[in-house]
Amino acid sequence: MSNTTATPTKLRSGDWGARVEGAAAVGDTIQITARSGKSWIATVDRVVWTGSGATICSTRRAATATPRTVKGNGRTATVSGGRRSRRCTTDGNCSSFGLSCFDCDTDY
């Protein structure tokens, strides 16, 4: 992962991208931090503009390699970066943990 500072920015297309301090290239993995303090890992899809010591680029959220564990209400839920990897481990009770999964959100 790159150690450069990146912030979210709205692109002319209307999509969200990132403003990277310094240089960024397609395929780079960057950490974007919003003013609210929320941060996430993203991959550079396309460089839109470079100049004045910054790079504007379109991004996509990078897949998380390791699942995270969330505890609540005496239960433990494993979340794998928003991707469906196995059946819901909360017995259809993701909303109690402040989570969302494919199995709980999809009507069969």
C-alpha atoms as a PDB file:
ATOM      1  CA  MET A   1       0.000   0.000   0.000  1.00  0.00           C
ATOM      2  CA  SER A   2       1.175   3.489  -0.779  1.00  0.00           C
ATOM      3  CA  ASN A   3       1.991   5.807   2.125  1.00  0.00           C
ATOM      4  CA  THR A   4       0.592   8.840   0.332  1.00  0.00           C
ATOM      5  CA  THR A   5      -2.216  10.997   1.689  1.00  0.00           C
ATOM      6  CA  ALA A   6      -5.475  10.809  -0.270  1.00  0.00           C
ATOM      7  CA  THR A   7      -8.867  12.454   0.213  1.00  0.00           C
ATOM      8  CA  PRO A   8     -12.174  11.784  -1.548  1.00  0.00           C
ATOM      9  CA  THR A   9     -13.082  14.153  -4.374  1.00  0.00           C
ATOM     10  CA  LYS A  10     -16.000  14.439  -6.779  1.00  0.00           C
ATOM     11  CA  LEU A  11     -14.982  13.885 -10.417  1.00  0.00           C
ATOM     12  CA  ARG A  12     -16.482  15.766 -13.381  1.00  0.00           C
ATOM     13  CA  SER A  13     -18.301  12.576 -14.354  1.00  0.00           C
ATOM     14  CA  GLY A  14     -20.208  12.787 -11.044  1.00  0.00           C
ATOM     15  CA  ASP A  15     -18.443   9.738  -9.626  1.00  0.00           C
ATOM     16  CA  TRP A  16     -16.280   9.811  -6.521  1.00  0.00           C
ATOM     17  CA  GLY A  17     -12.523   9.505  -6.841  1.00  0.00           C
ATOM     18  CA  ALA A  18      -9.457  10.541  -4.865  1.00  0.00           C
ATOM     19  CA  ARG A  19      -7.055  13.463  -4.672  1.00  0.00           C
ATOM     20  CA  VAL A  20      -3.630  12.005  -3.932  1.00  0.00           C
ATOM     21  CA  GLU A  21      -0.820  14.191  -2.605  1.00  0.00           C
ATOM     22  CA  GLY A  22       2.048  13.415  -4.980  1.00  0.00           C
ATOM     23  CA  ALA A  23       2.085  10.892  -7.806  1.00  0.00           C
ATOM     24  CA  ALA A  24      -0.233   7.921  -8.275  1.00  0.00           C
ATOM     25  CA  ALA A  25      -0.365   5.343 -11.041  1.00  0.00           C
ATOM     26  CA  VAL A  26      -2.991   2.885 -12.273  1.00  0.00           C
ATOM     27  CA  GLY A  27      -3.015  -0.164 -10.020  1.00  0.00           C
ATOM     28  CA  ASP A  28      -1.625   1.645  -6.958  1.00  0.00           C
ATOM     29  CA  THR A  29      -3.318   0.860  -3.663  1.00  0.00           C
ATOM     30  CA  ILE A  30      -3.997   3.986  -1.609  1.00  0.00           C
ATOM     31  CA  GLN A  31      -5.633   4.830   1.704  1.00  0.00           C
ATOM     32  CA  ILE A  32      -8.326   7.496   1.415  1.00  0.00           C
ATOM     33  CA  THR A  33      -9.289   9.442   4.537  1.00  0.00           C
ATOM     34  CA  ALA A  34     -12.391  11.648   4.661  1.00  0.00           C
ATOM     35  CA  ARG A  35     -12.761  14.749   6.864  1.00  0.00           C
ATOM     36  CA  SER A  36     -15.022  12.710   9.154  1.00  0.00           C
ATOM     37  CA  GLY A  37     -12.074  10.429   9.936  1.00  0.00           C
ATOM     38  CA  LYS A  38     -13.466   7.443   8.023  1.00  0.00           C
ATOM     39  CA  SER A  39     -10.809   5.768   5.912  1.00  0.00           C
ATOM     40  CA  TRP A  40     -10.711   2.943   3.392  1.00  0.00           C
ATOM     41  CA  ILE A  41      -8.341   1.231   1.013  1.00  0.00           C
ATOM     42  CA  ALA A  42      -8.850   1.805  -2.719  1.00  0.00           C
ATOM     43  CA  THR A  43      -7.147   0.896  -6.000  1.00  0.00           C
ATOM     44  CA  VAL A  44      -6.421   3.521  -8.658  1.00  0.00           C
ATOM     45  CA  ASP A  45      -8.409   2.721 -11.836  1.00  0.00           C
ATOM     46  CA  ARG A  46      -7.473   5.724 -13.949  1.00  0.00           C
ATOM     47  CA  VAL A  47      -5.434   8.904 -13.545  1.00  0.00           C
ATOM     48  CA  VAL A  48      -7.670  11.839 -14.472  1.00  0.00           C
ATOM     49  CA  TRP A  49      -5.274  14.745 -13.862  1.00  0.00           C
ATOM     50  CA  THR A  50      -1.775  15.374 -12.534  1.00  0.00           C
ATOM     51  CA  GLY A  51      -0.278  18.712 -11.561  1.00  0.00           C
ATOM     52  CA  SER A  52       0.576  21.098  -8.710  1.00  0.00           C
ATOM     53  CA  GLY A  53       1.944  18.225  -6.618  1.00  0.00           C
ATOM     54  CA  ALA A  54      -1.316  16.246  -6.667  1.00  0.00           C
ATOM     55  CA  THR A  55      -3.044  13.545  -8.712  1.00  0.00           C
ATOM     56  CA  ILE A  56      -6.795  13.229  -9.262  1.00  0.00           C
ATOM     57  CA  CYS A  57      -7.828   9.665 -10.015  1.00  0.00           C
ATOM     58  CA  SER A  58     -10.847   7.400 -10.267  1.00  0.00           C
ATOM     59  CA  THR A  59     -10.766   4.542  -7.803  1.00  0.00           C
ATOM     60  CA  ARG A  60     -12.476   1.334  -6.832  1.00  0.00           C
ATOM     61  CA  ARG A  61     -12.674  -0.065  -3.350  1.00  0.00           C
ATOM     62  CA  ALA A  62      -9.953  -2.645  -2.816  1.00  0.00           C
ATOM     63  CA  ALA A  63     -11.011  -6.120  -1.690  1.00  0.00           C
ATOM     64  CA  THR A  64     -10.125  -6.820   1.910  1.00  0.00           C
ATOM     65  CA  ALA A  65      -7.971  -9.866   2.307  1.00  0.00           C
ATOM     66  CA  THR A  66      -8.875 -10.798   5.849  1.00  0.00           C
ATOM     67  CA  PRO A  67     -12.350 -11.002   7.338  1.00  0.00           C
ATOM     68  CA  ARG A  68     -13.066  -8.837  10.365  1.00  0.00           C
ATOM     69  CA  THR A  69     -14.956 -10.018  13.397  1.00  0.00           C
ATOM     70  CA  VAL A  70     -17.705  -7.912  14.944  1.00  0.00           C
ATOM     71  CA  LYS A  71     -19.128  -8.686  18.364  1.00  0.00           C
ATOM     72  CA  GLY A  72     -22.493  -7.685  19.775  1.00  0.00           C
ATOM     73  CA  ASN A  73     -25.475  -9.052  21.680  1.00  0.00           C
ATOM     74  CA  GLY A  74     -23.446 -12.044  22.845  1.00  0.00           C
ATOM     75  CA  ARG A  75     -22.861 -13.184  19.252  1.00  0.00           C
ATOM     76  CA  THR A  76     -19.977 -12.886  16.843  1.00  0.00           C
ATOM     77  CA  ALA A  77     -20.377 -12.154  13.120  1.00  0.00           C
ATOM     78  CA  THR A  78     -17.635 -12.543  10.540  1.00  0.00           C
ATOM     79  CA  VAL A  79     -17.707  -9.970   7.747  1.00  0.00           C
ATOM     80  CA  SER A  80     -15.483 -10.487   4.721  1.00  0.00           C
ATOM     81  CA  GLY A  81     -15.213  -7.029   3.177  1.00  0.00           C
ATOM     82  CA  GLY A  82     -18.752  -6.905   1.848  1.00  0.00           C
ATOM     83  CA  ARG A  83     -18.283  -9.912  -0.397  1.00  0.00           C
ATOM     84  CA  ARG A  84     -20.420 -13.002  -0.039  1.00  0.00           C
ATOM     85  CA  SER A  85     -18.093 -15.756   1.030  1.00  0.00           C
ATOM     86  CA  ARG A  86     -20.372 -17.998   3.123  1.00  0.00           C
ATOM     87  CA  ARG A  87     -23.835 -18.123   4.686  1.00  0.00           C
ATOM     88  CA  CYS A  88     -24.743 -15.536   7.304  1.00  0.00           C
ATOM     89  CA  THR A  89     -23.244 -16.419  10.672  1.00  0.00           C
ATOM     90  CA  THR A  90     -25.733 -14.288  12.628  1.00  0.00           C
ATOM     91  CA  ASP A  91     -28.779 -16.446  11.815  1.00  0.00           C
ATOM     92  CA  GLY A  92     -30.284 -13.638   9.742  1.00  0.00           C
ATOM     93  CA  ASN A  93     -29.732 -11.055  12.460  1.00  0.00           C
ATOM     94  CA  CYS A  94     -27.081  -8.813  10.850  1.00  0.00           C
ATOM     95  CA  SER A  95     -28.982  -5.607  11.598  1.00  0.00           C
ATOM     96  CA  SER A  96     -28.502  -6.236  15.338  1.00  0.00           C
ATOM     97  CA  PHE A  97     -24.764  -5.938  14.743  1.00  0.00           C
ATOM     98  CA  GLY A  98     -25.103  -2.858  12.509  1.00  0.00           C
ATOM     99  CA  LEU A  99     -24.133  -5.013   9.531  1.00  0.00           C
ATOM    100  CA  SER A 100     -25.592  -6.046   6.227  1.00  0.00           C
ATOM    101  CA  CYS A 101     -25.003  -9.223   4.246  1.00  0.00           C
ATOM    102  CA  PHE A 102     -26.227 -10.727   1.001  1.00  0.00           C
ATOM    103  CA  ASP A 103     -28.256 -13.452   2.714  1.00  0.00           C
ATOM    104  CA  CYS A 104     -30.127 -11.054   5.024  1.00  0.00           C
ATOM    105  CA  ASP A 105     -30.743  -8.412   2.329  1.00  0.00           C
ATOM    106  CA  THR A 106     -31.926 -10.711  -0.450  1.00  0.00           C
ATOM    107  CA  ASP A 107     -35.458 -12.045  -0.709  1.00  0.00           C
ATOM    108  CA  TYR A 108     -35.370 -15.547  -2.174  1.00  0.00           C
END
